Protein backbone atom coordinates (compact mmCIF):
# COMPACT_ATOMS: atom_id res chain seq x y z
CA MET A 1 91.40 108.38 97.41
CA LEU A 2 94.12 105.91 96.60
CA GLY A 3 94.60 102.31 97.67
CA THR A 4 91.79 100.20 96.24
CA ASN A 5 93.81 98.67 93.41
CA ASP A 6 96.69 98.04 95.81
CA CYS A 7 94.37 95.64 97.66
CA LYS A 8 94.30 93.24 94.68
CA SER A 9 95.30 89.72 95.62
CA ALA A 10 98.14 89.70 93.05
CA PHE A 11 99.99 92.35 95.08
CA ASN A 12 99.44 90.67 98.47
CA ALA A 13 100.06 94.05 100.13
CA SER A 14 99.20 94.77 103.74
CA SER A 15 97.42 97.96 104.75
CA LYS A 16 100.69 99.15 106.29
CA GLU A 17 102.52 98.64 102.98
CA ILE A 18 99.80 100.46 101.04
CA THR A 19 99.86 103.30 103.56
CA ALA A 20 103.65 103.52 103.27
CA GLY A 21 103.24 103.98 99.51
CA LEU A 22 100.69 106.71 100.07
CA GLU A 23 103.05 108.36 102.53
CA LEU A 24 105.69 108.63 99.79
CA CYS A 25 103.13 110.40 97.58
CA LEU A 26 102.04 112.63 100.44
CA LYS A 27 105.61 113.69 101.20
CA LYS A 28 106.07 114.77 97.57
CA LEU A 29 102.79 116.66 97.67
CA LEU A 30 103.82 118.41 100.88
CA ASP A 31 106.79 119.87 99.00
CA VAL A 32 104.35 122.08 97.11
CA VAL A 33 101.09 122.13 99.12
CA ALA A 34 100.60 123.10 102.77
CA PRO A 35 99.18 120.27 104.91
CA GLU A 36 96.13 122.32 105.85
CA ASN A 37 95.19 122.31 102.16
CA ILE A 38 95.27 118.52 101.79
CA LEU A 39 92.31 116.20 102.28
CA LEU A 40 93.42 112.59 102.60
CA ILE A 41 90.59 110.19 101.70
CA SER A 42 90.60 106.50 102.53
CA PRO A 43 88.91 104.26 99.96
CA LEU A 44 85.62 102.41 100.06
CA TYR A 45 85.44 99.03 101.69
CA LEU A 46 85.62 96.30 99.08
CA GLU A 47 82.69 93.87 98.83
CA THR A 48 82.62 90.22 97.75
CA ALA A 49 81.51 91.12 94.21
CA ALA A 50 85.11 92.32 93.75
CA PHE A 51 86.26 88.68 93.77
CA ASP A 52 85.55 88.59 90.02
CA PHE A 53 88.03 91.43 89.50
CA GLY A 54 91.22 90.25 91.20
CA PHE A 55 90.32 90.66 94.85
CA ASN A 56 89.86 88.06 97.59
CA ASP A 57 88.94 87.78 101.29
CA ARG A 58 92.28 89.23 102.33
CA SER A 59 91.68 92.19 99.99
CA ILE A 60 88.42 92.93 101.76
CA ALA A 61 90.10 92.81 105.17
CA VAL A 62 92.94 95.08 104.01
CA SER A 63 90.47 97.58 102.53
CA ARG A 64 88.84 97.86 105.94
CA GLU A 65 92.19 98.43 107.69
CA LEU A 66 93.10 101.35 105.42
CA LYS A 67 90.66 103.69 107.12
CA GLN A 68 92.55 103.61 110.42
CA ASP A 69 95.99 103.59 108.82
CA TYR A 70 95.16 106.55 106.58
CA LYS A 71 93.69 108.43 109.55
CA GLU A 72 96.95 107.92 111.44
CA LEU A 73 98.87 109.16 108.38
CA ALA A 74 96.68 112.26 108.14
CA ASP A 75 97.24 112.94 111.84
CA LYS A 76 101.00 112.46 111.47
CA TYR A 77 101.19 115.11 108.73
CA ASN A 78 98.39 117.36 110.03
CA THR A 79 96.18 116.97 106.97
CA ALA A 80 92.42 116.70 106.91
CA PHE A 81 90.95 113.20 106.66
CA LEU A 82 87.78 111.68 105.27
CA ALA A 83 86.80 108.01 105.10
CA ALA A 84 84.88 107.35 101.89
CA SER A 85 83.50 104.22 103.58
CA ASP A 86 81.67 106.42 106.10
CA HIS A 87 79.64 107.98 103.29
CA ALA A 88 79.25 105.39 100.52
CA LYS A 89 79.36 101.68 99.77
CA ALA A 90 80.84 99.87 96.82
CA SER A 91 78.50 98.85 94.03
CA SER A 92 77.01 95.38 94.24
CA LEU A 93 77.94 95.00 90.54
CA ASP A 94 81.71 94.99 91.03
CA GLY A 95 82.25 95.45 94.77
CA GLN A 96 84.76 98.25 94.31
CA HIS A 97 83.37 101.32 92.53
CA LEU A 98 80.90 103.95 93.64
CA THR A 99 77.28 103.89 92.60
CA GLU A 100 75.56 107.04 91.38
CA GLU A 101 74.18 107.57 94.90
CA GLY A 102 77.62 106.89 96.35
CA HIS A 103 79.20 109.51 94.10
CA ARG A 104 76.62 112.03 95.27
CA ALA A 105 77.08 111.19 98.96
CA LEU A 106 80.85 111.25 98.76
CA CYS A 107 80.79 114.50 96.80
CA GLU A 108 78.69 116.11 99.52
CA ALA A 109 81.06 114.81 102.22
CA VAL A 110 84.13 116.08 100.33
CA LEU A 111 82.47 119.47 99.83
CA LYS A 112 81.69 119.76 103.55
CA SER A 113 85.27 118.78 104.39
CA ILE A 114 86.73 121.34 102.01
CA VAL A 115 84.45 124.08 103.32
CA SER A 116 85.44 123.25 106.89
CA MET A 117 89.12 123.36 105.83
CA ASN A 118 88.50 126.96 104.76
CA ILE A 119 90.44 126.72 101.49
């Protein structure tokens, strides 16, 4: 689950640029791991509380675009995909990290994904 920090306003990165960076990592991983053994996870959606930590309105928009872009990347390389944002929300304290409940929900979703991958 990479990409949240790349959404910081200082980097001014688009979701396509962030996804291109992830693709470079994925290609390296595919040198040693079969695609059917990889679960690509898109990050949580950022919330406005993240403004105090280097994020802005554009960051929030980009975080929401990553889900689709990462899904397309997973499809391109035949890996499994999971959107963290489908299972948890960012904490209202910082707008970017998981809450205790979010950790639990995402853990359960990851476990189900891994079981269905049959690894």
